[in-house]
Structure formats: C-alpha cells, structure tokens
Amino acid sequence: MTRPNSSHTGKRRRNRARGAEAAPGLAPEKREACEAAIAYRFKDPLLLDRAMTHRSATQGKAVAWSNERLEFLGDRVLGLVIVEALMVRFPDLREGDLAPRLNALVSRDTCAVVGAELGLGNYLIVDHSERATGGPTKRSLLANAAEAVIGAVYLDGGLKAAEKFITQHWSALLKASNDKPRDPKSALQEWAQGEGLPTPNYRHDAREGPDHAPVFTAAVLIQGHEPVSGSGASKQHAERDAAQKMLAAIGVSS
C-alpha cells in the first residue's frame, strides 16, 4: 500500500484549519453576553455565530457563513408560532380578522423592534464598510438577525425551544394584538380626504437584498408635505410603512 505523502497531508490539514478559522464568529465573552440577552444557551454555539454574521463579513461565502439561510428558516418558524398563538388567543375570530394581526406581528418592522430590544446590534458581525454606514443599527439588519436567531434556536433545540423564545420576546406584542390593526394607508387616505387634499400617491424607489429576502423602498407623496419613505419585504409592505411614518410625521394616530 502506498503511504500518502506526509507533506501533502500536513498541507491539507493546515488548509482545513485555516478554512475553519476564516469563518466569522463571536468572541467567547460576546457569545456569552448574546446568549444572556436572548435568554437562550446554545448546545451548538456555531449556530449563534452564523445567526449573527451578515453577508458583508463572509468573504464571498454567504451561503455557508452568513445568517441568510437561518433568517429564511426563522421567518417561517415565527409565522407558524404566531399563527398558533393567535388562534389560541382568539378562538372566535375569522381568518380575515386574524390575518392583519399576523401580518403586524411578523412584519419586518416588528422583527426590527424585537432585534433592537434584544440588543442584537451589539453582536452583529459586519465588515468595516457596513459598520461605517451604521450597519448594526439598521432596521433591516436587526430584523434579519431576529429571524436568524429564531432559525438557530429551532435547529439547536427544536420547535418547543423556538416557541418558548418567540412567546417570551413577542409577549407584549401579542398582548397588544387585542385591537385589530388599522391599515395605515386607509388611515392616511381618510386624513387626506378630511383635509380636502388629493389621495396620497406612492412612488417605488428601490429594491435591494437577496432574492429570498428582498427589501423594497417606497415614498408617499401628499400635497403640501415632504415625501416620506418606508421599506418592507414587498411593495405593499413598503407603502404601508411609508404611510405609517407619514401619519407619525403629521401627528395622526393610526
């Protein structure tokens, strides 16, 4: 039997070691602090590393190293858990009354709020250019991170662990879901009509992000007011976000 060349074997081992070291990861103290913030300790800490890694820090290996796949998974797990929670909480409501509550609770804005409350921006791994433009504080990155953490918890501990995580961190939002959310576009249109203004118009400005998680930007235009921009996972969501922000800007509650 021919023995493998020891120098080649050693080289392969060194290459594998360098490859393993190249994957971005949290420092032990950072990982511990992040686990404390989200109230979950991982059996596989590498899952948390992946959940906290933005594609900008992956050196072209986004599929293997970034949080995009975990975000994709976490979005579906969040929807499932929230649907079940709403059906238990509102046993007499029809689908048409459950849907707006679901949309509000799983929206990018809500995920960004939860991500900010958990302080995930303190642990996000991004490259220097992304950090220089405020990456860890961007709503889109915080929303992605919150969903990625859900996906990581699901893979690490199963559905029960993910359900516990979501129930804990969405608890206040679930309690606030007693009132059916009012569509901000309808509220803005009613306000404009009451003021004798033309119907608000929406302008679609941009589409960014990967195909599985696009981010659209839209602006709402009302006569006599500066345009206000919003963003979301679809054009409709971006319009609603812009309308909500316009309502806040003019001091009208939706």
Protein backbone atom coordinates (compact mmCIF):
# COMPACT_ATOMS: atom_id res chain seq x y z
CA MET A 1 0.00 0.00 0.00
CA THR A 2 1.32 3.41 -0.93
CA ARG A 3 1.62 5.76 2.01
CA PRO A 4 0.24 9.29 1.49
CA ASN A 5 2.84 11.97 1.18
CA SER A 6 3.18 13.40 4.70
CA SER A 7 3.90 16.90 3.44
CA HIS A 8 0.73 16.89 1.32
CA THR A 9 -1.31 15.53 4.22
CA GLY A 10 0.01 18.22 6.53
CA LYS A 11 -0.75 20.88 3.94
CA ARG A 12 -4.35 19.69 3.60
CA ARG A 13 -4.76 19.76 7.38
CA ARG A 14 -3.35 23.28 7.57
CA ASN A 15 -5.68 24.39 4.77
CA ARG A 16 -8.69 22.91 6.57
CA ALA A 17 -7.61 24.64 9.79
CA ARG A 18 -7.24 27.96 8.02
CA GLY A 19 -10.66 27.49 6.40
CA ALA A 20 -12.27 26.77 9.77
CA GLU A 21 -10.60 29.79 11.34
CA ALA A 22 -11.72 32.03 8.48
CA ALA A 23 -15.42 31.63 9.30
CA PRO A 24 -16.54 34.69 11.30
CA GLY A 25 -17.51 34.05 14.90
CA LEU A 26 -18.25 35.79 18.17
CA ALA A 27 -15.57 36.01 20.85
CA PRO A 28 -16.44 33.77 23.83
CA GLU A 29 -17.37 36.72 26.05
CA LYS A 30 -19.52 38.22 23.29
CA ARG A 31 -21.27 34.91 22.69
CA GLU A 32 -21.99 34.55 26.39
CA ALA A 33 -23.37 38.10 26.57
CA CYS A 34 -25.54 37.49 23.49
CA GLU A 35 -26.94 34.28 24.94
CA ALA A 36 -27.78 36.15 28.14
CA ALA A 37 -29.51 38.89 26.14
CA ILE A 38 -31.71 36.46 24.21
CA ALA A 39 -32.21 34.16 27.23
CA TYR A 40 -31.14 31.03 25.39
CA ARG A 41 -27.94 28.97 25.69
CA PHE A 42 -26.90 27.09 22.57
CA LYS A 43 -25.78 23.49 22.58
CA ASP A 44 -24.09 24.28 19.26
CA PRO A 45 -22.61 27.79 19.64
CA LEU A 46 -21.65 27.90 15.96
CA LEU A 47 -25.35 28.35 15.16
CA LEU A 48 -25.32 31.63 17.07
CA ASP A 49 -22.19 32.69 15.19
CA ARG A 50 -23.99 32.11 11.90
CA ALA A 51 -27.10 33.93 13.10
CA MET A 52 -25.01 36.99 13.94
CA THR A 53 -22.97 37.06 10.71
CA HIS A 54 -24.04 39.49 7.99
CA ARG A 55 -23.17 38.62 4.40
CA SER A 56 -20.74 41.58 4.26
CA ALA A 57 -18.38 39.69 6.59
CA THR A 58 -18.42 36.38 4.73
CA GLN A 59 -15.66 36.95 2.16
CA GLY A 60 -17.90 35.74 -0.64
CA LYS A 61 -19.16 32.67 1.24
CA ALA A 62 -22.59 33.99 2.19
CA VAL A 63 -24.35 30.66 1.75
CA ALA A 64 -22.04 28.86 4.18
CA TRP A 65 -21.29 31.62 6.66
CA SER A 66 -24.00 34.29 6.68
CA ASN A 67 -27.33 34.39 8.53
CA GLU A 68 -29.43 34.44 5.34
CA ARG A 69 -30.47 30.77 5.41
CA LEU A 70 -31.23 30.93 9.14
CA GLU A 71 -33.27 34.08 8.52
CA PHE A 72 -35.24 32.25 5.80
CA LEU A 73 -35.98 29.42 8.24
CA GLY A 74 -36.72 31.71 11.19
CA ASP A 75 -39.27 33.69 9.21
CA ARG A 76 -41.31 30.51 8.62
CA VAL A 77 -40.99 29.31 12.21
CA LEU A 78 -42.08 32.73 13.51
CA GLY A 79 -45.15 32.68 11.28
CA LEU A 80 -46.14 29.20 12.45
CA VAL A 81 -45.77 30.00 16.14
CA ILE A 82 -47.58 33.34 15.90
CA VAL A 83 -50.47 31.81 13.90
CA GLU A 84 -50.95 29.16 16.56
CA ALA A 85 -50.74 31.75 19.37
CA LEU A 86 -53.35 33.94 17.66
CA MET A 87 -55.71 31.01 17.11
CA VAL A 88 -55.49 30.12 20.80
CA ARG A 89 -55.85 33.74 21.89
CA PHE A 90 -58.77 34.50 19.56
CA PRO A 91 -60.76 31.26 19.15
CA ASP A 92 -63.80 33.05 17.69
CA LEU A 93 -62.09 35.26 15.09
CA ARG A 94 -62.39 34.60 11.36
CA GLU A 95 -59.39 34.41 9.04
CA GLY A 96 -59.99 37.98 7.86
CA ASP A 97 -59.55 39.26 11.41
CA LEU A 98 -56.56 37.04 12.20
CA ALA A 99 -54.61 37.96 9.06
CA PRO A 100 -53.90 41.64 9.88
CA ARG A 101 -52.81 40.70 13.38
CA LEU A 102 -50.46 38.07 11.96
CA ASN A 103 -49.05 40.48 9.39
CA ALA A 104 -48.35 43.06 12.08
CA LEU A 105 -46.64 40.58 14.43
CA VAL A 106 -44.34 39.03 11.83
CA SER A 107 -43.60 42.21 9.87
CA ARG A 108 -40.06 43.40 9.25
CA ASP A 109 -40.73 46.41 11.46
CA THR A 110 -41.80 44.22 14.37
CA CYS A 111 -38.78 41.94 13.94
CA ALA A 112 -36.54 45.02 13.88
CA VAL A 113 -38.13 46.26 17.11
CA VAL A 114 -37.52 42.90 18.80
CA GLY A 115 -33.97 42.79 17.44
CA ALA A 116 -33.29 46.25 18.85
CA GLU A 117 -34.84 45.37 22.22
CA LEU A 118 -32.61 42.30 22.44
CA GLY A 119 -29.58 44.43 21.60
CA LEU A 120 -28.61 42.24 18.65
CA GLY A 121 -26.83 45.16 17.02
CA ASN A 122 -24.15 44.80 19.70
CA TYR A 123 -23.29 41.32 18.43
CA LEU A 124 -23.76 41.56 14.66
CA ILE A 125 -20.65 40.64 12.69
CA VAL A 126 -20.29 43.00 9.73
CA ASP A 127 -17.36 44.27 7.68
CA HIS A 128 -15.77 47.68 8.18
CA SER A 129 -17.64 49.42 5.37
CA GLU A 130 -21.02 48.14 6.59
CA ARG A 131 -20.20 49.21 10.15
CA ALA A 132 -19.12 52.64 8.93
CA THR A 133 -22.59 53.19 7.47
CA GLY A 134 -24.35 52.17 10.68
CA GLY A 135 -24.89 48.53 9.74
CA PRO A 136 -25.56 47.10 13.23
CA THR A 137 -28.25 49.72 13.85
CA LYS A 138 -30.04 49.35 10.50
CA ARG A 139 -33.61 48.16 10.87
CA SER A 140 -33.21 45.66 8.03
CA LEU A 141 -30.17 44.04 9.64
CA LEU A 142 -31.83 43.90 13.06
CA ALA A 143 -34.92 42.28 11.54
CA ASN A 144 -32.76 39.74 9.71
CA ALA A 145 -30.83 38.96 12.88
CA ALA A 146 -34.00 38.44 14.94
CA GLU A 147 -35.35 35.97 12.38
CA ALA A 148 -31.95 34.26 12.09
CA VAL A 149 -31.80 33.76 15.85
CA ILE A 150 -35.22 32.09 15.72
CA GLY A 151 -33.94 29.78 12.99
CA ALA A 152 -30.82 29.00 15.01
CA VAL A 153 -32.83 28.26 18.16
CA TYR A 154 -35.12 25.99 16.14
CA LEU A 155 -32.19 23.98 14.76
CA ASP A 156 -30.48 23.85 18.14
CA GLY A 157 -33.43 23.00 20.38
CA GLY A 158 -36.39 22.16 18.17
CA LEU A 159 -39.82 23.70 17.80
CA LYS A 160 -40.54 23.80 21.55
CA ALA A 161 -37.42 25.88 22.17
CA ALA A 162 -38.26 28.22 19.29
CA GLU A 163 -41.84 28.55 20.53
CA LYS A 164 -40.62 29.43 24.02
CA PHE A 165 -38.22 32.02 22.59
CA ILE A 166 -40.88 33.66 20.43
CA THR A 167 -43.56 33.59 23.11
CA GLN A 168 -41.16 35.27 25.53
CA HIS A 169 -39.92 38.01 23.26
CA TRP A 170 -43.20 38.66 21.42
CA SER A 171 -45.27 38.50 24.63
CA ALA A 172 -46.01 42.23 24.93
CA LEU A 173 -46.79 42.46 21.22
CA LEU A 174 -49.20 39.52 21.43
CA LYS A 175 -50.98 41.15 24.37
CA ALA A 176 -51.31 44.35 22.33
CA SER A 177 -52.95 42.45 19.46
CA ASN A 178 -56.43 42.58 21.05
CA ASP A 179 -57.33 45.52 18.83
CA LYS A 180 -57.39 44.82 15.11
CA PRO A 181 -54.60 46.86 13.49
CA ARG A 182 -55.84 49.64 11.26
CA ASP A 183 -54.32 49.75 7.81
CA PRO A 184 -52.09 52.86 7.73
CA LYS A 185 -52.77 53.51 4.03
CA SER A 186 -56.51 53.68 4.70
CA ALA A 187 -55.95 55.90 7.73
CA LEU A 188 -53.75 58.26 5.72
CA GLN A 189 -56.24 58.44 2.87
CA GLU A 190 -59.07 59.24 5.32
CA TRP A 191 -56.97 62.00 6.87
CA ALA A 192 -56.13 63.48 3.45
CA GLN A 193 -59.80 63.46 2.43
CA GLY A 194 -60.73 65.15 5.70
CA GLU A 195 -58.18 67.86 4.95
CA GLY A 196 -59.52 68.35 1.44
CA LEU A 197 -56.29 67.01 -0.12
CA PRO A 198 -55.89 64.69 -3.12
CA THR A 199 -55.45 60.97 -2.49
CA PRO A 200 -51.86 60.15 -1.44
CA ASN A 201 -49.61 58.77 -4.18
CA TYR A 202 -46.86 56.20 -3.76
CA ARG A 203 -43.53 56.13 -5.59
CA HIS A 204 -41.41 52.98 -5.67
CA ASP A 205 -37.75 53.92 -5.38
CA ALA A 206 -35.62 50.80 -4.92
CA ARG A 207 -35.34 47.06 -4.48
CA GLU A 208 -32.35 45.64 -2.59
CA GLY A 209 -31.29 42.43 -0.88
CA PRO A 210 -31.16 38.79 -1.97
CA ASP A 211 -33.99 37.17 -3.91
CA HIS A 212 -35.27 35.24 -0.89
CA ALA A 213 -35.41 38.36 1.30
CA PRO A 214 -35.83 41.48 -0.85
CA VAL A 215 -36.25 44.93 0.66
CA PHE A 216 -38.38 47.42 -1.26
CA THR A 217 -38.38 51.16 -0.69
CA ALA A 218 -41.38 53.39 -1.42
CA ALA A 219 -42.24 57.03 -0.76
CA VAL A 220 -45.65 58.50 -0.05
CA LEU A 221 -46.41 61.91 -1.55
CA ILE A 222 -49.08 64.24 -0.21
CA GLN A 223 -49.70 67.74 -1.44
CA GLY A 224 -48.08 70.28 0.84
CA HIS A 225 -45.91 67.75 2.69
CA GLU A 226 -42.38 66.45 2.23
CA PRO A 227 -42.28 62.88 0.87
CA VAL A 228 -41.71 60.18 3.48
CA SER A 229 -40.03 56.87 2.66
CA GLY A 230 -40.69 53.40 4.02
CA SER A 231 -39.37 49.91 3.39
CA GLY A 232 -40.64 46.34 3.51
CA ALA A 233 -40.44 42.83 2.12
CA SER A 234 -42.87 43.71 -0.70
CA LYS A 235 -44.03 46.85 -2.48
CA GLN A 236 -47.25 46.77 -0.48
CA HIS A 237 -45.36 46.49 2.81
CA ALA A 238 -43.11 49.38 1.81
CA GLU A 239 -46.16 51.52 1.02
CA ARG A 240 -47.75 50.70 4.38
CA ASP A 241 -44.50 51.53 6.17
CA ALA A 242 -44.28 54.86 4.36
CA ALA A 243 -47.91 55.62 5.22
CA GLN A 244 -47.31 54.76 8.87
CA LYS A 245 -44.30 57.06 9.02
CA MET A 246 -46.22 59.86 7.31
CA LEU A 247 -49.01 59.52 9.89
CA ALA A 248 -46.41 59.82 12.64
CA ALA A 249 -44.85 62.85 10.93
CA ILE A 250 -48.18 64.71 10.75
CA GLY A 251 -49.20 63.63 14.26
CA VAL A 252 -52.08 61.35 13.36
CA SER A 253 -52.65 58.05 15.17
CA SER A 254 -53.47 55.03 13.02
